[in-house]
Amino acid sequence: MEKKIKVGIVGARGKCMIMGLQNCENVEVAAICDLDEGVLKEISEQYNIPKTYRIFDDMLESDIDAVIIATPMQYHVMQTLAALEAGKHVMSEVTAGVTMDELHWLVEAVEKSGKTYMMAENYCYSPQAQMIKNMSAAGVFGKLYYAEGEYLHDIKDLAIYKNGKTSWRSYWQLGTRGCFYPTHSLGPVMKCFPDGKRITSVSSFGTGSFTAPQFHQDDTTVTMCTLDEGELVKVRVDCISNRPHKMNYYLLQGTNGAYEAPRGLGDDHKVHIKPDDAVYGYKQEWAPLKEYEGLYLPERYKTATEEQRKTGHEGGDFFIVKDFIDAVANGTKPYVDVYDAVEWTAVGLLSNISVQNGGKAMDMPNFRKNQKV
């Protein structure tokens, strides 16, 4: 019988991963760690998790094989480094880190450890994101040269905890300028470009504060990323404005066609693909993305069980943890590896400097210099 992979989770937010893990074969959710004893008791009883810890280092000394880090973002790197040093594989929630130095430490530690590191960017795992990635890889849109991603999510109410204390989000999200949370916007569109495609520079522009001037975060930040062949990716992050949420808007433009996500009010995912025999002046119309599901939706999404779909994001929350477990078990490259993780995260950190310098272009370090193909 194949040995079970024992997983420990740190941070109560990680409970969204538990259902996915418990639907994976040969996996045991063996431990959970959180500072709140009440939360620990509730989650461990609800999901039948045998061991609970309040001290992270104590959990690392147990016989778990892998750790899922779902704590506030300012703890991600230091907890990852501790886990890697303890010989554990790591899946970390977004963002990968909160300083550029941390990102360099993270790459070096993962390369030295030989362990699996994956960033839990679950927006890459929506069925639509998987479809447009497959369509892009098949050349349906031609050569991509422009993309957009938007994360519009009013989180002003999360600045204060229910007990009246100031939340970490007041500092590490709403307390900073620039595109502080870029990975949900970047991940799905960057996966549509060829593997190894690099972001080379970042320019960011902010509106300043109009709606809630008690926060340092701009009402809206627009960031332009230049890729290594001149392609552009525009990212808009807005966690302040009074408006309905739209956390997953994407656009792709290639030489042979385009994709756009819905905006709301009955809109739908749609594509335009230039006919092979078309000449200039042909009638250009949208078609529903659903028409292409038969060819480009991954088979595992079509055949997902009801239990897998219930994990969240139409099955995406199952497949993300399954891919992590498979990478651990087989020693294969994870879907969002450390190089993707630090580069997408660095867009936000560089945008902080850019927006405070009038949109000055900031060069992206080459984190991939030791990357193995």
Protein backbone atom coordinates (compact mmCIF):
# COMPACT_ATOMS: atom_id res chain seq x y z
CA MET A 1 0.00 0.00 0.00
CA GLU A 2 1.31 3.45 -0.95
CA LYS A 3 2.47 5.57 1.99
CA LYS A 4 0.08 8.36 2.92
CA ILE A 5 1.36 11.92 2.66
CA LYS A 6 0.72 13.63 5.97
CA VAL A 7 -0.19 17.31 5.70
CA GLY A 8 -0.26 19.97 8.40
CA ILE A 9 -2.08 23.29 7.97
CA VAL A 10 -1.09 26.53 9.69
CA GLY A 11 -3.73 29.27 9.80
CA ALA A 12 -7.48 28.88 10.15
CA ARG A 13 -8.02 30.15 6.59
CA GLY A 14 -6.52 26.87 5.46
CA LYS A 15 -9.78 25.12 6.24
CA CYS A 16 -10.80 25.85 2.63
CA MET A 17 -8.06 23.38 1.61
CA ILE A 18 -9.21 20.60 3.92
CA MET A 19 -12.09 19.32 1.80
CA GLY A 20 -9.82 19.17 -1.23
CA LEU A 21 -7.10 17.31 0.64
CA GLN A 22 -9.57 14.85 2.10
CA ASN A 23 -10.73 14.04 -1.44
CA CYS A 24 -7.18 13.14 -2.50
CA GLU A 25 -6.02 9.53 -2.35
CA ASN A 26 -3.21 8.62 0.05
CA VAL A 27 -3.39 11.94 1.92
CA GLU A 28 -4.01 12.51 5.60
CA VAL A 29 -4.71 15.94 7.06
CA ALA A 30 -2.76 15.09 10.17
CA ALA A 31 -2.45 18.42 12.00
CA ILE A 32 -3.67 21.99 12.17
CA CYS A 33 -2.04 24.98 13.86
CA ASP A 34 -3.59 28.28 14.90
CA LEU A 35 -3.22 30.72 17.79
CA ASP A 36 -6.95 30.62 18.50
CA GLU A 37 -7.72 27.55 20.62
CA GLY A 38 -11.43 27.85 19.92
CA VAL A 39 -10.84 27.76 16.18
CA LEU A 40 -8.50 24.81 16.55
CA LYS A 41 -11.07 22.82 18.50
CA GLU A 42 -13.88 23.65 16.06
CA ILE A 43 -11.96 22.77 12.90
CA SER A 44 -10.26 19.67 14.28
CA GLU A 45 -13.60 18.26 15.40
CA GLN A 46 -15.44 19.24 12.21
CA TYR A 47 -12.86 17.61 9.92
CA ASN A 48 -11.57 14.88 12.25
CA ILE A 49 -7.99 16.20 12.37
CA PRO A 50 -6.08 14.25 15.02
CA LYS A 51 -3.44 16.78 16.17
CA THR A 52 -3.68 20.48 17.00
CA TYR A 53 -0.89 22.96 17.72
CA ARG A 54 -0.67 26.57 18.79
CA ILE A 55 3.10 26.75 18.15
CA PHE A 56 4.16 26.36 14.51
CA ASP A 57 7.62 25.00 15.36
CA ASP A 58 5.99 22.24 17.40
CA MET A 59 3.98 21.12 14.36
CA LEU A 60 7.16 21.13 12.25
CA GLU A 61 8.75 18.70 14.70
CA SER A 62 5.97 16.17 14.09
CA ASP A 63 6.00 13.50 11.37
CA ILE A 64 4.10 15.52 8.75
CA ASP A 65 5.48 15.54 5.21
CA ALA A 66 4.07 18.83 3.96
CA VAL A 67 2.74 22.14 5.24
CA ILE A 68 0.03 24.40 3.87
CA ILE A 69 0.63 27.99 4.97
CA ALA A 70 -2.59 30.00 5.24
CA THR A 71 -1.58 32.67 7.73
CA PRO A 72 -1.55 36.45 7.07
CA MET A 73 0.74 37.35 4.19
CA GLN A 74 3.51 38.89 6.31
CA TYR A 75 4.25 35.45 7.82
CA HIS A 76 4.37 33.44 4.60
CA VAL A 77 8.09 33.56 3.86
CA MET A 78 9.43 33.09 7.38
CA GLN A 79 7.12 30.13 7.96
CA THR A 80 8.05 28.69 4.58
CA LEU A 81 11.76 28.97 5.36
CA ALA A 82 11.23 27.22 8.69
CA ALA A 83 9.22 24.45 7.05
CA LEU A 84 11.79 23.89 4.29
CA GLU A 85 14.58 23.78 6.88
CA ALA A 86 12.58 21.16 8.75
CA GLY A 87 12.44 19.05 5.59
CA LYS A 88 8.79 19.71 4.72
CA HIS A 89 7.22 20.43 1.35
CA VAL A 90 5.26 23.71 1.23
CA MET A 91 2.15 25.12 -0.35
CA SER A 92 1.79 28.80 0.54
CA GLU A 93 -1.18 31.11 0.19
CA VAL A 94 -0.76 34.36 -1.76
CA THR A 95 1.19 36.52 -1.84
CA ALA A 96 4.55 34.75 -1.71
CA GLY A 97 6.11 37.46 0.49
CA VAL A 98 6.00 41.12 1.50
CA THR A 99 9.52 42.38 0.69
CA MET A 100 11.90 41.95 -2.22
CA ASP A 101 14.55 40.54 0.12
CA GLU A 102 12.09 37.87 1.25
CA LEU A 103 11.55 36.81 -2.35
CA HIS A 104 15.28 36.28 -2.89
CA TRP A 105 15.49 34.31 0.37
CA LEU A 106 12.56 32.20 -0.74
CA VAL A 107 14.05 31.27 -4.12
CA GLU A 108 17.40 30.43 -2.55
CA ALA A 109 15.80 28.29 0.17
CA VAL A 110 13.63 26.32 -2.27
CA GLU A 111 16.57 25.70 -4.62
CA LYS A 112 18.75 24.57 -1.69
CA SER A 113 16.12 22.35 -0.08
CA GLY A 114 15.12 20.28 -3.09
CA LYS A 115 11.59 20.24 -1.65
CA THR A 116 8.39 21.07 -3.50
CA TYR A 117 7.15 24.65 -3.16
CA MET A 118 3.89 25.74 -4.74
CA MET A 119 1.96 28.98 -4.38
CA ALA A 120 -1.77 28.46 -3.88
CA GLU A 121 -2.96 30.81 -6.61
CA ASN A 122 -6.40 29.26 -6.97
CA TYR A 123 -7.66 31.74 -9.58
CA CYS A 124 -5.44 29.86 -12.06
CA TYR A 125 -7.67 26.84 -11.44
CA SER A 126 -11.06 28.18 -12.48
CA PRO A 127 -12.50 26.19 -15.42
CA GLN A 128 -12.41 29.30 -17.61
CA ALA A 129 -8.77 30.03 -16.77
CA GLN A 130 -7.87 26.44 -17.61
CA MET A 131 -9.77 26.65 -20.91
CA ILE A 132 -8.15 29.85 -22.14
CA LYS A 133 -4.74 28.51 -21.16
CA ASN A 134 -5.34 25.42 -23.31
CA MET A 135 -6.67 27.54 -26.17
CA SER A 136 -3.61 29.79 -25.98
CA ALA A 137 -1.25 26.80 -25.93
CA ALA A 138 -2.99 25.41 -29.01
CA GLY A 139 -2.41 28.70 -30.84
CA VAL A 140 -6.13 29.56 -31.10
CA PHE A 141 -5.51 33.25 -30.33
CA GLY A 142 -2.28 33.41 -32.31
CA LYS A 143 0.65 35.15 -30.64
CA LEU A 144 -0.46 36.91 -27.48
CA TYR A 145 0.75 40.47 -27.06
CA TYR A 146 -1.68 42.04 -24.58
CA ALA A 147 -3.61 40.92 -21.50
CA GLU A 148 -5.54 42.40 -18.61
CA GLY A 149 -6.41 41.23 -15.12
CA GLU A 150 -8.51 43.02 -12.50
CA TYR A 151 -9.14 42.47 -8.81
CA LEU A 152 -11.95 44.76 -7.62
CA HIS A 153 -12.86 43.83 -4.06
CA ASP A 154 -13.95 46.36 -1.45
CA ILE A 155 -12.30 45.15 1.78
CA LYS A 156 -12.58 48.29 3.93
CA ASP A 157 -14.73 46.33 6.39
CA LEU A 158 -11.84 43.88 6.94
CA ALA A 159 -9.58 46.59 8.37
CA ILE A 160 -11.00 45.95 11.84
CA TYR A 161 -11.58 42.56 13.46
CA LYS A 162 -14.98 41.72 14.92
CA ASN A 163 -13.54 42.27 18.40
CA GLY A 164 -12.65 45.86 17.48
CA LYS A 165 -8.90 45.35 17.16
CA THR A 166 -6.97 46.58 14.13
CA SER A 167 -6.56 43.90 11.45
CA TRP A 168 -3.27 43.02 9.78
CA ARG A 169 -4.94 44.06 6.53
CA SER A 170 -4.89 47.67 7.74
CA TYR A 171 -1.12 47.60 7.40
CA TRP A 172 -0.02 45.03 4.83
CA GLN A 173 -2.85 45.64 2.36
CA LEU A 174 -4.73 48.90 2.94
CA GLY A 175 -1.71 50.48 4.62
CA THR A 176 0.52 50.33 1.56
CA ARG A 177 0.44 51.93 -1.88
CA GLY A 178 0.67 50.20 -5.23
CA CYS A 179 -0.67 46.93 -6.58
CA PHE A 180 -0.34 45.08 -3.27
CA TYR A 181 -2.33 41.99 -4.35
CA PRO A 182 -1.37 41.20 -7.96
CA THR A 183 -1.35 37.42 -8.17
CA HIS A 184 -5.07 36.79 -8.69
CA SER A 185 -4.94 39.13 -11.69
CA LEU A 186 -1.59 38.05 -13.11
CA GLY A 187 -1.69 34.30 -12.57
CA PRO A 188 -4.41 33.25 -15.01
CA VAL A 189 -3.18 35.48 -17.85
CA MET A 190 0.54 34.77 -17.36
CA LYS A 191 -0.26 31.05 -17.63
CA CYS A 192 -1.58 31.78 -21.13
CA PHE A 193 1.82 32.99 -22.29
CA PRO A 194 4.53 30.41 -23.12
CA ASP A 195 6.33 28.79 -20.17
CA GLY A 196 9.30 30.81 -19.01
CA LYS A 197 7.89 34.11 -20.24
CA ARG A 198 9.34 36.82 -17.99
CA ILE A 199 8.00 40.11 -16.71
CA THR A 200 10.89 42.55 -17.20
CA SER A 201 9.57 45.89 -15.91
CA VAL A 202 6.71 47.38 -13.92
CA SER A 203 5.13 50.85 -14.05
CA SER A 204 2.33 51.75 -11.67
CA PHE A 205 -0.08 54.66 -11.32
CA GLY A 206 -2.44 55.42 -8.45
CA THR A 207 -5.43 57.70 -8.14
CA GLY A 208 -4.64 58.79 -4.62
CA SER A 209 -7.23 58.67 -1.83
CA PHE A 210 -10.77 59.92 -2.42
CA THR A 211 -13.12 57.38 -0.85
CA ALA A 212 -11.39 56.48 2.42
CA PRO A 213 -8.39 58.76 3.09
CA GLN A 214 -7.67 57.04 6.43
CA PHE A 215 -5.96 54.32 4.36
CA HIS A 216 -2.68 54.73 2.48
CA GLN A 217 -3.89 52.50 -0.36
CA ASP A 218 -5.02 54.34 -3.50
CA ASP A 219 -8.66 53.95 -4.47
CA THR A 220 -7.44 52.36 -7.71
CA THR A 221 -3.99 51.36 -8.90
CA VAL A 222 -3.21 50.53 -12.54
CA THR A 223 0.02 48.68 -13.22
CA MET A 224 1.60 47.99 -16.60
CA CYS A 225 3.90 44.99 -16.86
CA THR A 226 6.25 44.71 -19.83
CA LEU A 227 7.25 41.19 -20.85
CA ASP A 228 10.50 40.10 -22.46
CA GLU A 229 9.33 40.55 -26.07
CA GLY A 230 7.48 43.79 -25.46
CA GLU A 231 4.09 42.27 -24.64
CA LEU A 232 1.97 44.18 -22.13
CA VAL A 233 -0.12 43.02 -19.18
CA LYS A 234 -2.31 45.58 -17.40
CA VAL A 235 -3.34 44.93 -13.80
CA ARG A 236 -5.95 46.95 -11.93
CA VAL A 237 -6.35 46.46 -8.19
CA ASP A 238 -9.07 48.32 -6.27
CA CYS A 239 -9.94 47.35 -2.71
CA ILE A 240 -11.32 50.74 -1.64
CA SER A 241 -13.96 51.94 -4.10
CA ASN A 242 -17.65 51.60 -3.33
CA ARG A 243 -18.70 49.18 -6.07
CA PRO A 244 -19.74 45.54 -6.52
CA HIS A 245 -16.96 42.97 -6.39
CA LYS A 246 -15.36 41.84 -9.64
CA MET A 247 -12.35 39.82 -8.61
CA ASN A 248 -11.71 37.84 -11.78
CA TYR A 249 -11.95 39.95 -14.91
CA TYR A 250 -9.48 38.95 -17.64
CA LEU A 251 -8.76 39.85 -21.26
CA LEU A 252 -6.42 38.30 -23.80
CA GLN A 253 -5.52 39.73 -27.21
CA GLY A 254 -3.53 37.82 -29.79
CA THR A 255 -2.85 38.08 -33.48
CA ASN A 256 -5.75 35.72 -34.32
CA GLY A 257 -8.34 36.54 -31.70
CA ALA A 258 -9.34 37.60 -28.23
CA TYR A 259 -11.00 36.52 -24.98
CA GLU A 260 -12.94 38.62 -22.49
CA ALA A 261 -14.42 37.67 -19.13
CA PRO A 262 -17.91 38.93 -18.19
CA ARG A 263 -18.39 42.29 -16.53
CA GLY A 264 -21.80 41.57 -15.01
CA LEU A 265 -25.54 42.04 -15.67
CA GLY A 266 -25.87 38.90 -17.75
CA ASP A 267 -22.60 39.15 -19.65
CA ASP A 268 -20.74 35.89 -20.27
CA HIS A 269 -17.24 34.61 -21.05
CA LYS A 270 -16.67 35.16 -24.75
CA VAL A 271 -14.08 34.71 -27.48
CA HIS A 272 -13.47 35.92 -31.00
CA ILE A 273 -11.34 33.79 -33.32
CA LYS A 274 -10.39 34.99 -36.80
CA PRO A 275 -11.41 32.47 -39.46
CA ASP A 276 -8.48 30.93 -41.32
CA ASP A 277 -9.69 32.29 -44.66
CA ALA A 278 -10.63 35.74 -43.36
CA VAL A 279 -9.33 38.89 -45.01
CA TYR A 280 -9.41 42.46 -43.77
CA GLY A 281 -12.93 43.75 -43.26
CA TYR A 282 -14.52 40.45 -42.25
CA LYS A 283 -17.42 40.57 -39.78
CA GLN A 284 -16.00 40.30 -36.27
CA GLU A 285 -18.33 38.90 -33.62
CA TRP A 286 -18.13 37.33 -30.18
CA ALA A 287 -19.00 33.71 -29.45
CA PRO A 288 -19.65 32.15 -26.02
CA LEU A 289 -16.59 30.49 -24.51
CA LYS A 290 -18.84 27.54 -23.63
CA GLU A 291 -18.91 26.54 -27.29
CA TYR A 292 -15.26 25.47 -26.91
CA GLU A 293 -15.63 23.40 -23.73
CA GLY A 294 -15.63 20.11 -25.63
CA LEU A 295 -12.19 20.79 -27.09
CA TYR A 296 -10.42 22.80 -24.43
CA LEU A 297 -11.91 22.20 -20.97
CA PRO A 298 -9.59 19.72 -19.20
CA GLU A 299 -11.15 16.30 -18.96
CA ARG A 300 -10.80 16.18 -15.19
CA TYR A 301 -13.10 19.19 -14.88
CA LYS A 302 -15.71 17.47 -17.02
CA THR A 303 -15.61 14.31 -14.92
CA ALA A 304 -15.15 15.90 -11.47
CA THR A 305 -17.20 14.25 -8.75
CA GLU A 306 -19.79 16.11 -6.74
CA GLU A 307 -17.47 15.99 -3.69
CA GLN A 308 -14.64 17.53 -5.71
CA ARG A 309 -16.89 20.32 -7.02
CA LYS A 310 -18.09 21.11 -3.49
CA THR A 311 -14.56 22.06 -2.45
CA GLY A 312 -15.06 25.42 -4.17
CA HIS A 313 -14.40 27.35 -7.38
CA GLU A 314 -16.16 24.71 -9.51
CA GLY A 315 -13.64 22.05 -8.50
CA GLY A 316 -10.59 24.33 -8.69
CA ASP A 317 -9.99 24.11 -4.94
CA PHE A 318 -9.67 20.33 -5.29
CA PHE A 319 -7.39 20.33 -8.30
CA ILE A 320 -4.96 22.85 -6.81
CA VAL A 321 -4.26 20.69 -3.77
CA LYS A 322 -4.23 17.53 -5.89
CA ASP A 323 -1.56 19.06 -8.12
CA PHE A 324 0.48 19.98 -5.05
CA ILE A 325 0.19 16.46 -3.65
CA ASP A 326 1.07 14.95 -7.04
CA ALA A 327 4.15 17.20 -7.28
CA VAL A 328 5.22 16.08 -3.81
CA ALA A 329 4.61 12.40 -4.55
CA ASN A 330 6.23 12.37 -8.00
CA GLY A 331 8.90 15.06 -7.67
CA THR A 332 7.43 16.94 -10.62
CA LYS A 333 7.27 20.68 -11.26
CA PRO A 334 4.29 22.28 -9.47
CA TYR A 335 1.82 24.29 -11.52
CA VAL A 336 2.75 27.58 -9.81
CA ASP A 337 6.36 27.12 -8.83
CA VAL A 338 8.60 29.39 -6.78
CA TYR A 339 9.72 31.39 -9.84
CA ASP A 340 6.15 32.20 -10.85
CA ALA A 341 5.33 32.96 -7.21
CA VAL A 342 8.11 35.49 -6.62
CA GLU A 343 7.80 37.20 -10.00
CA TRP A 344 4.05 37.73 -9.73
CA THR A 345 4.45 38.90 -6.13
CA ALA A 346 7.33 41.23 -7.06
CA VAL A 347 5.01 43.09 -9.45
CA GLY A 348 3.16 44.37 -6.39
CA LEU A 349 6.30 45.24 -4.45
CA LEU A 350 7.89 47.08 -7.39
CA SER A 351 4.63 48.91 -8.06
CA ASN A 352 4.82 50.34 -4.54
CA ILE A 353 8.06 52.11 -5.49
CA SER A 354 6.84 53.02 -8.98
CA VAL A 355 3.58 54.64 -7.89
CA GLN A 356 5.43 56.81 -5.39
CA ASN A 357 7.76 57.96 -8.17
CA GLY A 358 5.19 59.06 -10.73
CA GLY A 359 4.96 55.74 -12.53
CA LYS A 360 8.70 55.26 -13.01
CA ALA A 361 9.50 51.95 -14.69
CA MET A 362 11.08 49.48 -12.27
CA ASP A 363 13.21 46.62 -13.56
CA MET A 364 12.23 43.11 -12.50
CA PRO A 365 15.13 41.03 -11.09
CA ASN A 366 15.80 37.79 -12.91
CA PHE A 367 14.77 35.30 -10.24
CA ARG A 368 15.02 32.48 -12.79
CA LYS A 369 18.78 32.41 -13.36
CA ASN A 370 19.11 29.02 -11.62
CA GLN A 371 15.82 27.61 -12.84
CA LYS A 372 16.00 24.06 -14.16
CA VAL A 373 14.08 23.44 -17.36
